[in-house]
Amino acid sequence: GSLPQDIVGDNNHRAAYLKYDTGTNSGSTSDDYVAFRIRVNGTSDSTNISDGFSSFGFLGADANGDGAIDFFIGAYKPNAASGRIGIYDADGSANTGPSTTGIAGSPTVVYTSSMTGYGDLWKFQVVGDSSNFAIDTDYMLSFQISVADINSNLSAFGLSTPVGPSTAFRFIVGTAAQDNAFNQDISGVQGFSATDSRTWAAMGVLSPSMSLDGAPLNAAPTTSNSSFSIVSSQSLTLAAADFPFSDTDVSDTFQGVQILALPGSGTLKLSGVNVTSGQIVAVADINAGNLEYQAPAFSGSTSFTFNVIDSQYNASAPVGTMSVTIAAANTAPTLTTIS
């Protein structure tokens, strides 16, 4: 990407910040805001001055802990007449890394310069000292979004749990020339490519899990290895008890199972459809008898890996291994006539 859009940071001013602003309505998120700040390299570009930003600065949010980006929040040329701040849906792909992630072309929620209070939603200001990236002045792009607007559009993002101050949250930050593509910088990583097949986590650009208000996070659940046996060519309906779940937070319940590595032999099916690697299966579906394993037509053994997810959408680590023993089917004896 071009220098004005490079994300930079140092020990005094980091590359990205997050802040949750609690409103005056106690016990409600109706007037809460969540704010973000991204530090960008200024250079001498005449379009990148203290009261302007000519590109798109954004945050990609993983709001359920599955490593995939659920939605984006960003500011596009906020000082321009055509500028806007918006909440954007991800494009419906896996959204787990650069090559599988896209931004929907139009914001689901948009704030424009013609709206009352628009100027309170963003700020572009000079950083007090220069970064080590370049001997010049850097800038902070700050913007905020109404939590109520996020929550009113959860279903559009494939989510159901409302966002609030204690929501566990991971994110990436980036810049782009337009607000519908990745084509500048992601989290300050040098050599970033939009075709990179690695996951966000593997690239090291996905933030640690944190609550929006900075309070201590809910503890992740734990699991352990499990096993079952099945006869070749048969199917077996799996139960929630087949996936050990334990959580030190007594208020947390068993929410789902994420299938990581698929079995080498046989097939996992959810409601008759093959399960894919990384897919999360809700406990409600398991309890309804919708998750089954179809054994191959030969005997032997196989396995698959999984983690369990609690009601705060924290996933277990380390993962569990499900060992499967496949027994040969009994065959009927044959009768030979001896004359």
C-alpha atoms as a PDB file:
ATOM      1  CA  GLY A   1       0.000   0.000   0.000  1.00  0.00           C
ATOM      2  CA  SER A   2       0.954   3.679  -0.141  1.00  0.00           C
ATOM      3  CA  LEU A   3       2.819   5.268   2.755  1.00  0.00           C
ATOM      4  CA  PRO A   4      -0.002   7.524   4.035  1.00  0.00           C
ATOM      5  CA  GLN A   5      -2.113   4.441   4.773  1.00  0.00           C
ATOM      6  CA  ASP A   6       0.592   2.397   6.522  1.00  0.00           C
ATOM      7  CA  ILE A   7      -0.313   1.496  10.097  1.00  0.00           C
ATOM      8  CA  VAL A   8       2.535   2.311  12.491  1.00  0.00           C
ATOM      9  CA  GLY A   9       3.201   2.384  16.219  1.00  0.00           C
ATOM     10  CA  ASP A  10       5.797   2.761  18.950  1.00  0.00           C
ATOM     11  CA  ASN A  11       6.034   2.433  22.736  1.00  0.00           C
ATOM     12  CA  ASN A  12       4.391   5.815  23.338  1.00  0.00           C
ATOM     13  CA  HIS A  13       1.553   5.595  20.839  1.00  0.00           C
ATOM     14  CA  ARG A  14       0.459   2.115  19.783  1.00  0.00           C
ATOM     15  CA  ALA A  15      -0.956   1.207  16.405  1.00  0.00           C
ATOM     16  CA  ALA A  16      -4.520   0.635  17.636  1.00  0.00           C
ATOM     17  CA  TYR A  17      -6.709   1.402  20.630  1.00  0.00           C
ATOM     18  CA  LEU A  18     -10.200   0.372  21.718  1.00  0.00           C
ATOM     19  CA  LYS A  19     -12.506   2.072  24.233  1.00  0.00           C
ATOM     20  CA  TYR A  20     -16.031   1.310  25.424  1.00  0.00           C
ATOM     21  CA  ASP A  21     -18.059   4.374  26.437  1.00  0.00           C
ATOM     22  CA  THR A  22     -20.920   3.554  28.799  1.00  0.00           C
ATOM     23  CA  GLY A  23     -23.877   5.876  28.438  1.00  0.00           C
ATOM     24  CA  THR A  24     -26.130   7.332  31.106  1.00  0.00           C
ATOM     25  CA  ASN A  25     -28.816   4.627  30.932  1.00  0.00           C
ATOM     26  CA  SER A  26     -27.720   2.250  33.674  1.00  0.00           C
ATOM     27  CA  GLY A  27     -28.213  -1.419  32.833  1.00  0.00           C
ATOM     28  CA  SER A  28     -28.799  -0.675  29.155  1.00  0.00           C
ATOM     29  CA  THR A  29     -26.545  -0.363  26.114  1.00  0.00           C
ATOM     30  CA  SER A  30     -29.007   1.928  24.329  1.00  0.00           C
ATOM     31  CA  ASP A  31     -26.708   4.966  24.509  1.00  0.00           C
ATOM     32  CA  ASP A  32     -23.332   3.195  24.673  1.00  0.00           C
ATOM     33  CA  TYR A  33     -20.603   3.682  22.079  1.00  0.00           C
ATOM     34  CA  VAL A  34     -17.527   1.682  21.161  1.00  0.00           C
ATOM     35  CA  ALA A  35     -14.593   3.716  19.846  1.00  0.00           C
ATOM     36  CA  PHE A  36     -11.463   2.782  17.913  1.00  0.00           C
ATOM     37  CA  ARG A  37      -8.223   4.567  17.088  1.00  0.00           C
ATOM     38  CA  ILE A  38      -5.727   3.629  14.365  1.00  0.00           C
ATOM     39  CA  ARG A  39      -2.315   5.250  13.970  1.00  0.00           C
ATOM     40  CA  VAL A  40      -1.296   5.873  10.365  1.00  0.00           C
ATOM     41  CA  ASN A  41       1.897   7.123   8.742  1.00  0.00           C
ATOM     42  CA  GLY A  42       1.541  10.738   7.624  1.00  0.00           C
ATOM     43  CA  THR A  43       4.391  11.366   5.151  1.00  0.00           C
ATOM     44  CA  SER A  44       4.184  14.644   3.258  1.00  0.00           C
ATOM     45  CA  ASP A  45       1.131  13.613   1.257  1.00  0.00           C
ATOM     46  CA  SER A  46      -0.923  16.786   0.882  1.00  0.00           C
ATOM     47  CA  THR A  47      -4.168  14.835   1.154  1.00  0.00           C
ATOM     48  CA  ASN A  48      -3.218  13.335   4.501  1.00  0.00           C
ATOM     49  CA  ILE A  49      -3.264  16.427   6.699  1.00  0.00           C
ATOM     50  CA  SER A  50      -4.351  17.028  10.255  1.00  0.00           C
ATOM     51  CA  ASP A  51      -8.004  17.599   9.359  1.00  0.00           C
ATOM     52  CA  GLY A  52      -8.375  14.988   6.638  1.00  0.00           C
ATOM     53  CA  PHE A  53      -8.015  11.316   5.804  1.00  0.00           C
ATOM     54  CA  SER A  54      -8.404  10.302   2.176  1.00  0.00           C
ATOM     55  CA  SER A  55      -8.712   6.544   2.641  1.00  0.00           C
ATOM     56  CA  PHE A  56     -10.642   3.883   4.562  1.00  0.00           C
ATOM     57  CA  GLY A  57      -9.606   2.961   8.101  1.00  0.00           C
ATOM     58  CA  PHE A  58     -11.422  -0.035   9.524  1.00  0.00           C
ATOM     59  CA  LEU A  59     -11.693  -2.652  12.206  1.00  0.00           C
ATOM     60  CA  GLY A  60     -12.773  -6.232  11.488  1.00  0.00           C
ATOM     61  CA  ALA A  61     -14.582  -7.774  14.453  1.00  0.00           C
ATOM     62  CA  ASP A  62     -14.611 -11.410  15.553  1.00  0.00           C
ATOM     63  CA  ALA A  63     -17.505 -11.198  17.985  1.00  0.00           C
ATOM     64  CA  ASN A  64     -18.031 -14.904  18.702  1.00  0.00           C
ATOM     65  CA  GLY A  65     -14.483 -16.189  19.103  1.00  0.00           C
ATOM     66  CA  ASP A  66     -14.405 -18.490  16.069  1.00  0.00           C
ATOM     67  CA  GLY A  67     -11.493 -16.711  14.373  1.00  0.00           C
ATOM     68  CA  ALA A  68     -13.630 -15.396  11.496  1.00  0.00           C
ATOM     69  CA  ILE A  69     -14.464 -11.730  10.898  1.00  0.00           C
ATOM     70  CA  ASP A  70     -18.184 -11.168  11.478  1.00  0.00           C
ATOM     71  CA  PHE A  71     -18.478  -7.489  10.531  1.00  0.00           C
ATOM     72  CA  PHE A  72     -16.434  -4.345   9.928  1.00  0.00           C
ATOM     73  CA  ILE A  73     -16.575  -0.864  11.439  1.00  0.00           C
ATOM     74  CA  GLY A  74     -14.814   1.890   9.556  1.00  0.00           C
ATOM     75  CA  ALA A  75     -14.405   5.509   8.493  1.00  0.00           C
ATOM     76  CA  TYR A  76     -14.113   6.329   4.779  1.00  0.00           C
ATOM     77  CA  LYS A  77     -12.833   9.817   3.875  1.00  0.00           C
ATOM     78  CA  PRO A  78     -14.704  11.108   6.946  1.00  0.00           C
ATOM     79  CA  ASN A  79     -13.987  14.805   6.281  1.00  0.00           C
ATOM     80  CA  ALA A  80     -15.173  14.732   2.650  1.00  0.00           C
ATOM     81  CA  ALA A  81     -18.674  15.657   1.532  1.00  0.00           C
ATOM     82  CA  SER A  82     -19.140  12.058   0.375  1.00  0.00           C
ATOM     83  CA  GLY A  83     -17.444  10.608   3.443  1.00  0.00           C
ATOM     84  CA  ARG A  84     -19.060   8.203   5.840  1.00  0.00           C
ATOM     85  CA  ILE A  85     -18.657   6.080   8.932  1.00  0.00           C
ATOM     86  CA  GLY A  86     -20.356   2.724   8.793  1.00  0.00           C
ATOM     87  CA  ILE A  87     -20.918  -0.829   9.927  1.00  0.00           C
ATOM     88  CA  TYR A  88     -20.247  -3.267   7.091  1.00  0.00           C
ATOM     89  CA  ASP A  89     -21.146  -6.916   6.790  1.00  0.00           C
ATOM     90  CA  ALA A  90     -18.471  -9.439   5.836  1.00  0.00           C
ATOM     91  CA  ASP A  91     -19.031 -10.858   2.362  1.00  0.00           C
ATOM     92  CA  GLY A  92     -20.331 -14.296   3.310  1.00  0.00           C
ATOM     93  CA  SER A  93     -17.132 -16.256   2.681  1.00  0.00           C
ATOM     94  CA  ALA A  94     -15.140 -18.027   5.411  1.00  0.00           C
ATOM     95  CA  ASN A  95     -13.595 -14.690   6.504  1.00  0.00           C
ATOM     96  CA  THR A  96     -10.807 -16.450   8.393  1.00  0.00           C
ATOM     97  CA  GLY A  97      -7.885 -14.856   6.510  1.00  0.00           C
ATOM     98  CA  PRO A  98      -7.001 -12.437   3.698  1.00  0.00           C
ATOM     99  CA  SER A  99      -7.829 -14.796   0.835  1.00  0.00           C
ATOM    100  CA  THR A 100     -11.230 -15.724   2.286  1.00  0.00           C
ATOM    101  CA  THR A 101     -12.396 -12.337   3.594  1.00  0.00           C
ATOM    102  CA  GLY A 102     -14.265  -9.529   1.904  1.00  0.00           C
ATOM    103  CA  ILE A 103     -16.185  -6.401   2.838  1.00  0.00           C
ATOM    104  CA  ALA A 104     -19.750  -5.930   1.625  1.00  0.00           C
ATOM    105  CA  GLY A 105     -19.972  -3.105  -0.881  1.00  0.00           C
ATOM    106  CA  SER A 106     -22.477  -0.970   1.041  1.00  0.00           C
ATOM    107  CA  PRO A 107     -22.649  -0.292   4.788  1.00  0.00           C
ATOM    108  CA  THR A 108     -25.452  -1.958   6.720  1.00  0.00           C
ATOM    109  CA  VAL A 109     -25.526   1.136   8.956  1.00  0.00           C
ATOM    110  CA  VAL A 110     -24.115   4.433   7.703  1.00  0.00           C
ATOM    111  CA  TYR A 111     -23.468   7.866   9.218  1.00  0.00           C
ATOM    112  CA  THR A 112     -22.855  10.710   6.746  1.00  0.00           C
ATOM    113  CA  SER A 113     -21.708  14.322   6.974  1.00  0.00           C
ATOM    114  CA  SER A 114     -25.279  15.536   6.492  1.00  0.00           C
ATOM    115  CA  MET A 115     -26.429  13.884   9.724  1.00  0.00           C
ATOM    116  CA  THR A 116     -26.639  15.807  13.007  1.00  0.00           C
ATOM    117  CA  GLY A 117     -23.775  14.900  15.319  1.00  0.00           C
ATOM    118  CA  TYR A 118     -21.634  13.382  12.561  1.00  0.00           C
ATOM    119  CA  GLY A 119     -18.642  15.482  13.593  1.00  0.00           C
ATOM    120  CA  ASP A 120     -18.691  13.883  17.046  1.00  0.00           C
ATOM    121  CA  LEU A 121     -18.126  10.421  15.574  1.00  0.00           C
ATOM    122  CA  TRP A 122     -14.604  10.886  14.206  1.00  0.00           C
ATOM    123  CA  LYS A 123     -11.349  12.771  14.671  1.00  0.00           C
ATOM    124  CA  PHE A 124      -8.060  12.932  12.755  1.00  0.00           C
ATOM    125  CA  GLN A 125      -5.235  14.395  14.792  1.00  0.00           C
ATOM    126  CA  VAL A 126      -1.474  14.688  14.908  1.00  0.00           C
ATOM    127  CA  VAL A 127       0.499  12.258  17.074  1.00  0.00           C
ATOM    128  CA  GLY A 128       2.863  14.018  19.472  1.00  0.00           C
ATOM    129  CA  ASP A 129       5.968  12.136  18.390  1.00  0.00           C
ATOM    130  CA  SER A 130       7.114  10.369  15.258  1.00  0.00           C
ATOM    131  CA  SER A 131       7.310   6.607  14.903  1.00  0.00           C
ATOM    132  CA  ASN A 132      10.461   4.711  14.080  1.00  0.00           C
ATOM    133  CA  PHE A 133       8.903   3.745  10.746  1.00  0.00           C
ATOM    134  CA  ALA A 134       9.602   7.083   9.097  1.00  0.00           C
ATOM    135  CA  ILE A 135      10.975  10.426  10.217  1.00  0.00           C
ATOM    136  CA  ASP A 136       7.752  12.348   9.845  1.00  0.00           C
ATOM    137  CA  THR A 137       4.552  13.173  11.648  1.00  0.00           C
ATOM    138  CA  ASP A 138       1.965  10.448  12.158  1.00  0.00           C
ATOM    139  CA  TYR A 139      -1.769  10.758  12.715  1.00  0.00           C
ATOM    140  CA  MET A 140      -4.498   9.110  14.745  1.00  0.00           C
ATOM    141  CA  LEU A 141      -7.763   8.255  13.000  1.00  0.00           C
ATOM    142  CA  SER A 142     -10.460   7.868  15.673  1.00  0.00           C
ATOM    143  CA  PHE A 143     -14.077   6.869  15.125  1.00  0.00           C
ATOM    144  CA  GLN A 144     -16.949   5.481  17.171  1.00  0.00           C
ATOM    145  CA  ILE A 145     -20.137   3.543  16.547  1.00  0.00           C
ATOM    146  CA  SER A 146     -23.369   3.179  18.486  1.00  0.00           C
ATOM    147  CA  VAL A 147     -23.620  -0.189  20.246  1.00  0.00           C
ATOM    148  CA  ALA A 148     -27.383  -0.089  19.700  1.00  0.00           C
ATOM    149  CA  ASP A 149     -26.808   0.074  15.939  1.00  0.00           C
ATOM    150  CA  ILE A 150     -24.515  -2.956  16.113  1.00  0.00           C
ATOM    151  CA  ASN A 151     -27.053  -4.936  18.130  1.00  0.00           C
ATOM    152  CA  SER A 152     -29.983  -4.037  15.888  1.00  0.00           C
ATOM    153  CA  ASN A 153     -28.150  -5.628  12.951  1.00  0.00           C
ATOM    154  CA  LEU A 154     -26.766  -8.793  14.569  1.00  0.00           C
ATOM    155  CA  SER A 155     -28.873 -11.145  12.458  1.00  0.00           C
ATOM    156  CA  ALA A 156     -27.407  -9.597   9.299  1.00  0.00           C
ATOM    157  CA  PHE A 157     -23.958 -10.543  10.583  1.00  0.00           C
ATOM    158  CA  GLY A 158     -24.939 -14.109  11.483  1.00  0.00           C
ATOM    159  CA  LEU A 159     -24.852 -13.353  15.220  1.00  0.00           C
ATOM    160  CA  SER A 160     -27.420 -13.556  17.987  1.00  0.00           C
ATOM    161  CA  THR A 161     -25.701 -12.628  21.274  1.00  0.00           C
ATOM    162  CA  PRO A 162     -25.988  -8.847  21.935  1.00  0.00           C
ATOM    163  CA  VAL A 163     -22.789  -6.830  22.163  1.00  0.00           C
ATOM    164  CA  GLY A 164     -22.114  -5.133  25.494  1.00  0.00           C
ATOM    165  CA  PRO A 165     -19.239  -3.988  27.707  1.00  0.00           C
ATOM    166  CA  SER A 166     -18.323  -7.532  28.761  1.00  0.00           C
ATOM    167  CA  THR A 167     -18.492  -9.050  25.267  1.00  0.00           C
ATOM    168  CA  ALA A 168     -15.380 -11.070  24.422  1.00  0.00           C
ATOM    169  CA  PHE A 169     -13.996  -9.552  21.261  1.00  0.00           C
ATOM    170  CA  ARG A 170     -11.054  -9.989  18.876  1.00  0.00           C
ATOM    171  CA  PHE A 171     -10.230  -7.755  15.961  1.00  0.00           C
ATOM    172  CA  ILE A 172      -7.946  -6.828  13.103  1.00  0.00           C
ATOM    173  CA  VAL A 173      -7.289  -3.255  11.964  1.00  0.00           C
ATOM    174  CA  GLY A 174      -6.556  -2.105   8.455  1.00  0.00           C
ATOM    175  CA  THR A 175      -6.608   0.595   5.822  1.00  0.00           C
ATOM    176  CA  ALA A 176      -7.728   0.563   2.207  1.00  0.00           C
ATOM    177  CA  ALA A 177      -8.164   2.928  -0.712  1.00  0.00           C
ATOM    178  CA  GLN A 178     -11.893   2.098  -0.912  1.00  0.00           C
ATOM    179  CA  ASP A 179     -14.363   0.819   1.656  1.00  0.00           C
ATOM    180  CA  ASN A 180     -14.992  -2.508  -0.098  1.00  0.00           C
ATOM    181  CA  ALA A 181     -11.543  -4.105  -0.346  1.00  0.00           C
ATOM    182  CA  PHE A 182      -8.255  -4.990   1.353  1.00  0.00           C
ATOM    183  CA  ASN A 183      -5.581  -3.158  -0.604  1.00  0.00           C
ATOM    184  CA  GLN A 184      -3.425  -1.135   1.789  1.00  0.00           C
ATOM    185  CA  ASP A 185      -2.315  -2.331   5.242  1.00  0.00           C
ATOM    186  CA  ILE A 186      -3.447  -4.897   7.807  1.00  0.00           C
ATOM    187  CA  SER A 187      -2.252  -4.373  11.397  1.00  0.00           C
ATOM    188  CA  GLY A 188       1.085  -2.987  10.236  1.00  0.00           C
ATOM    189  CA  VAL A 189       2.312  -6.340   8.873  1.00  0.00           C
ATOM    190  CA  GLN A 190       4.954  -5.864   6.204  1.00  0.00           C
ATOM    191  CA  GLY A 191       4.412  -7.814   2.997  1.00  0.00           C
ATOM    192  CA  PHE A 192       0.681  -8.287   3.542  1.00  0.00           C
ATOM    193  CA  SER A 193      -1.098  -9.767   0.539  1.00  0.00           C
ATOM    194  CA  ALA A 194      -4.826  -9.975  -0.052  1.00  0.00           C
ATOM    195  CA  THR A 195      -4.247 -13.468  -1.485  1.00  0.00           C
ATOM    196  CA  ASP A 196      -2.477 -14.786   1.629  1.00  0.00           C
ATOM    197  CA  SER A 197      -4.020 -18.180   2.468  1.00  0.00           C
ATOM    198  CA  ARG A 198      -3.069 -18.112   6.152  1.00  0.00           C
ATOM    199  CA  THR A 199      -5.643 -17.388   8.851  1.00  0.00           C
ATOM    200  CA  TRP A 200      -5.692 -14.069  10.697  1.00  0.00           C
ATOM    201  CA  ALA A 201      -4.509 -15.858  13.830  1.00  0.00           C
ATOM    202  CA  ALA A 202      -1.636 -17.578  12.002  1.00  0.00           C
ATOM    203  CA  MET A 203      -0.518 -14.215  10.609  1.00  0.00           C
ATOM    204  CA  GLY A 204      -0.437 -12.768  14.123  1.00  0.00           C
ATOM    205  CA  VAL A 205      -2.781  -9.880  13.265  1.00  0.00           C
ATOM    206  CA  LEU A 206      -5.844 -11.021  15.241  1.00  0.00           C
ATOM    207  CA  SER A 207      -5.866  -9.354  18.650  1.00  0.00           C
ATOM    208  CA  PRO A 208      -6.041 -11.366  21.873  1.00  0.00           C
ATOM    209  CA  SER A 209      -9.556 -11.931  23.158  1.00  0.00           C
ATOM    210  CA  MET A 210     -10.620  -8.995  25.327  1.00  0.00           C
ATOM    211  CA  SER A 211     -13.766  -7.498  26.752  1.00  0.00           C
ATOM    212  CA  LEU A 212     -14.824  -4.223  25.206  1.00  0.00           C
ATOM    213  CA  ASP A 213     -14.580  -2.382  28.527  1.00  0.00           C
ATOM    214  CA  GLY A 214     -11.229  -3.900  29.511  1.00  0.00           C
ATOM    215  CA  ALA A 215     -12.622  -5.929  32.419  1.00  0.00           C
ATOM    216  CA  PRO A 216     -11.218  -9.425  33.130  1.00  0.00           C
ATOM    217  CA  LEU A 217     -12.351 -11.944  30.564  1.00  0.00           C
ATOM    218  CA  ASN A 218     -14.552 -14.888  31.140  1.00  0.00           C
ATOM    219  CA  ALA A 219     -12.491 -18.079  31.543  1.00  0.00           C
ATOM    220  CA  ALA A 220     -12.376 -20.426  28.578  1.00  0.00           C
ATOM    221  CA  PRO A 221     -13.895 -23.903  28.993  1.00  0.00           C
ATOM    222  CA  THR A 222     -11.830 -27.080  28.918  1.00  0.00           C
ATOM    223  CA  THR A 223     -12.334 -30.412  27.205  1.00  0.00           C
ATOM    224  CA  SER A 224     -10.564 -33.766  27.004  1.00  0.00           C
ATOM    225  CA  ASN A 225     -10.158 -36.655  24.604  1.00  0.00           C
ATOM    226  CA  SER A 226     -13.104 -38.936  23.953  1.00  0.00           C
ATOM    227  CA  SER A 227     -13.913 -42.054  21.935  1.00  0.00           C
ATOM    228  CA  PHE A 228     -16.645 -44.265  20.552  1.00  0.00           C
ATOM    229  CA  SER A 229     -16.978 -47.513  18.589  1.00  0.00           C
ATOM    230  CA  ILE A 230     -19.092 -48.255  15.556  1.00  0.00           C
ATOM    231  CA  VAL A 231     -19.664 -51.080  13.079  1.00  0.00           C
ATOM    232  CA  SER A 232     -18.478 -50.519   9.508  1.00  0.00           C
ATOM    233  CA  SER A 233     -21.016 -48.996   7.104  1.00  0.00           C
ATOM    234  CA  GLN A 234     -23.246 -47.995  10.028  1.00  0.00           C
ATOM    235  CA  SER A 235     -24.109 -44.526  11.340  1.00  0.00           C
ATOM    236  CA  LEU A 236     -24.078 -43.335  14.938  1.00  0.00           C
ATOM    237  CA  THR A 237     -25.860 -40.305  16.379  1.00  0.00           C
ATOM    238  CA  LEU A 238     -23.501 -38.381  18.645  1.00  0.00           C
ATOM    239  CA  ALA A 239     -24.569 -36.920  21.982  1.00  0.00           C
ATOM    240  CA  ALA A 240     -23.402 -33.793  23.800  1.00  0.00           C
ATOM    241  CA  ALA A 241     -21.890 -36.064  26.455  1.00  0.00           C
ATOM    242  CA  ASP A 242     -19.485 -37.407  23.818  1.00  0.00           C
ATOM    243  CA  PHE A 243     -17.733 -34.017  23.935  1.00  0.00           C
ATOM    244  CA  PRO A 244     -16.448 -33.422  27.489  1.00  0.00           C
ATOM    245  CA  PHE A 245     -17.188 -29.892  28.719  1.00  0.00           C
ATOM    246  CA  SER A 246     -16.011 -28.172  31.880  1.00  0.00           C
ATOM    247  CA  ASP A 247     -15.992 -24.478  32.811  1.00  0.00           C
ATOM    248  CA  THR A 248     -14.808 -22.762  35.990  1.00  0.00           C
ATOM    249  CA  ASP A 249     -17.389 -20.021  35.408  1.00  0.00           C
ATOM    250  CA  VAL A 250     -20.427 -21.740  36.879  1.00  0.00           C
ATOM    251  CA  SER A 251     -22.855 -19.487  35.022  1.00  0.00           C
ATOM    252  CA  ASP A 252     -21.482 -20.541  31.637  1.00  0.00           C
ATOM    253  CA  THR A 253     -23.225 -23.320  29.755  1.00  0.00           C
ATOM    254  CA  PHE A 254     -22.218 -25.642  26.934  1.00  0.00           C
ATOM    255  CA  GLN A 255     -22.956 -23.725  23.738  1.00  0.00           C
ATOM    256  CA  GLY A 256     -21.427 -25.717  20.907  1.00  0.00           C
ATOM    257  CA  VAL A 257     -18.697 -27.883  19.425  1.00  0.00           C
ATOM    258  CA  GLN A 258     -16.292 -26.730  16.745  1.00  0.00           C
ATOM    259  CA  ILE A 259     -15.055 -29.510  14.482  1.00  0.00           C
ATOM    260  CA  LEU A 260     -11.434 -28.780  13.630  1.00  0.00           C
ATOM    261  CA  ALA A 261      -9.695 -31.626  11.739  1.00  0.00           C
ATOM    262  CA  LEU A 262     -12.206 -33.921  10.028  1.00  0.00           C
ATOM    263  CA  PRO A 263     -11.998 -37.715  10.409  1.00  0.00           C
ATOM    264  CA  GLY A 264      -9.614 -39.407   7.993  1.00  0.00           C
ATOM    265  CA  SER A 265     -12.195 -42.128   7.311  1.00  0.00           C
ATOM    266  CA  GLY A 266     -15.950 -41.855   7.407  1.00  0.00           C
ATOM    267  CA  THR A 267     -18.032 -38.688   7.433  1.00  0.00           C
ATOM    268  CA  LEU A 268     -19.523 -36.352  10.023  1.00  0.00           C
ATOM    269  CA  LYS A 269     -22.948 -35.084   9.010  1.00  0.00           C
ATOM    270  CA  LEU A 270     -25.168 -32.359  10.449  1.00  0.00           C
ATOM    271  CA  SER A 271     -28.795 -32.774   9.427  1.00  0.00           C
ATOM    272  CA  GLY A 272     -27.623 -34.917   6.513  1.00  0.00           C
ATOM    273  CA  VAL A 273     -25.042 -32.427   5.210  1.00  0.00           C
ATOM    274  CA  ASN A 274     -21.308 -33.059   5.449  1.00  0.00           C
ATOM    275  CA  VAL A 275     -19.656 -31.091   8.254  1.00  0.00           C
ATOM    276  CA  THR A 276     -16.751 -28.883   7.156  1.00  0.00           C
ATOM    277  CA  SER A 277     -13.491 -28.164   8.941  1.00  0.00           C
ATOM    278  CA  GLY A 278     -13.953 -25.288  11.376  1.00  0.00           C
ATOM    279  CA  GLN A 279     -17.744 -25.607  11.480  1.00  0.00           C
ATOM    280  CA  ILE A 280     -19.465 -24.924  14.801  1.00  0.00           C
ATOM    281  CA  VAL A 281     -22.296 -27.279  15.730  1.00  0.00           C
ATOM    282  CA  ALA A 282     -24.726 -25.938  18.322  1.00  0.00           C
ATOM    283  CA  VAL A 283     -25.451 -28.112  21.348  1.00  0.00           C
ATOM    284  CA  ALA A 284     -29.134 -27.685  20.514  1.00  0.00           C
ATOM    285  CA  ASP A 285     -28.504 -29.458  17.202  1.00  0.00           C
ATOM    286  CA  ILE A 286     -26.556 -32.221  18.931  1.00  0.00           C
ATOM    287  CA  ASN A 287     -29.325 -32.699  21.503  1.00  0.00           C
ATOM    288  CA  ALA A 288     -31.838 -32.845  18.663  1.00  0.00           C
ATOM    289  CA  GLY A 289     -29.956 -35.822  17.205  1.00  0.00           C
ATOM    290  CA  ASN A 290     -28.742 -33.954  14.138  1.00  0.00           C
ATOM    291  CA  LEU A 291     -25.014 -34.763  14.382  1.00  0.00           C
ATOM    292  CA  GLU A 292     -23.983 -38.222  13.233  1.00  0.00           C
ATOM    293  CA  TYR A 293     -20.935 -40.143  12.109  1.00  0.00           C
ATOM    294  CA  GLN A 294     -21.184 -42.370   9.040  1.00  0.00           C
ATOM    295  CA  ALA A 295     -18.601 -45.171   9.160  1.00  0.00           C
ATOM    296  CA  PRO A 296     -16.770 -46.375   6.040  1.00  0.00           C
ATOM    297  CA  ALA A 297     -17.279 -49.882   4.641  1.00  0.00           C
ATOM    298  CA  PHE A 298     -14.147 -51.281   6.274  1.00  0.00           C
ATOM    299  CA  SER A 299     -12.801 -51.827   9.770  1.00  0.00           C
ATOM    300  CA  GLY A 300      -9.992 -49.917  11.434  1.00  0.00           C
ATOM    301  CA  SER A 301      -9.677 -46.659  13.335  1.00  0.00           C
ATOM    302  CA  THR A 302      -9.760 -42.931  12.705  1.00  0.00           C
ATOM    303  CA  SER A 303     -10.103 -39.698  14.664  1.00  0.00           C
ATOM    304  CA  PHE A 304     -11.094 -36.053  14.469  1.00  0.00           C
ATOM    305  CA  THR A 305     -10.326 -33.047  16.657  1.00  0.00           C
ATOM    306  CA  PHE A 306     -12.700 -30.581  18.254  1.00  0.00           C
ATOM    307  CA  ASN A 307     -13.031 -27.875  20.849  1.00  0.00           C
ATOM    308  CA  VAL A 308     -15.980 -26.926  23.006  1.00  0.00           C
ATOM    309  CA  ILE A 309     -17.496 -23.443  23.243  1.00  0.00           C
ATOM    310  CA  ASP A 310     -19.218 -21.886  26.248  1.00  0.00           C
ATOM    311  CA  SER A 311     -22.127 -19.429  26.356  1.00  0.00           C
ATOM    312  CA  GLN A 312     -19.668 -16.507  26.267  1.00  0.00           C
ATOM    313  CA  TYR A 313     -18.340 -17.942  22.966  1.00  0.00           C
ATOM    314  CA  ASN A 314     -14.949 -18.779  24.441  1.00  0.00           C
ATOM    315  CA  ALA A 315     -13.378 -21.883  22.899  1.00  0.00           C
ATOM    316  CA  SER A 316     -11.401 -24.519  24.764  1.00  0.00           C
ATOM    317  CA  ALA A 317      -7.641 -24.869  24.441  1.00  0.00           C
ATOM    318  CA  PRO A 318      -6.036 -27.315  24.054  1.00  0.00           C
ATOM    319  CA  VAL A 319      -8.413 -29.161  21.758  1.00  0.00           C
ATOM    320  CA  GLY A 320      -9.826 -32.656  22.210  1.00  0.00           C
ATOM    321  CA  THR A 321      -9.350 -35.704  20.013  1.00  0.00           C
ATOM    322  CA  MET A 322     -12.247 -38.056  19.289  1.00  0.00           C
ATOM    323  CA  SER A 323     -10.939 -41.567  18.604  1.00  0.00           C
ATOM    324  CA  VAL A 324     -13.190 -43.811  16.535  1.00  0.00           C
ATOM    325  CA  THR A 325     -12.906 -47.604  16.429  1.00  0.00           C
ATOM    326  CA  ILE A 326     -14.592 -49.180  13.401  1.00  0.00           C
ATOM    327  CA  ALA A 327     -15.443 -52.865  13.835  1.00  0.00           C
ATOM    328  CA  ALA A 328     -16.048 -55.280  10.984  1.00  0.00           C
ATOM    329  CA  ALA A 329     -19.679 -56.101  10.359  1.00  0.00           C
ATOM    330  CA  ASN A 330     -20.857 -59.594  11.212  1.00  0.00           C
ATOM    331  CA  THR A 331     -21.664 -61.546   8.079  1.00  0.00           C
ATOM    332  CA  ALA A 332     -24.175 -64.336   7.887  1.00  0.00           C
ATOM    333  CA  PRO A 333     -22.697 -67.847   7.536  1.00  0.00           C
ATOM    334  CA  THR A 334     -23.112 -69.701   4.260  1.00  0.00           C
ATOM    335  CA  LEU A 335     -24.468 -73.207   3.986  1.00  0.00           C
ATOM    336  CA  THR A 336     -22.634 -75.676   1.792  1.00  0.00           C
ATOM    337  CA  THR A 337     -24.463 -78.819   0.749  1.00  0.00           C
ATOM    338  CA  ILE A 338     -22.371 -81.952   1.017  1.00  0.00           C
ATOM    339  CA  SER A 339     -23.564 -84.782  -1.177  1.00  0.00           C
END
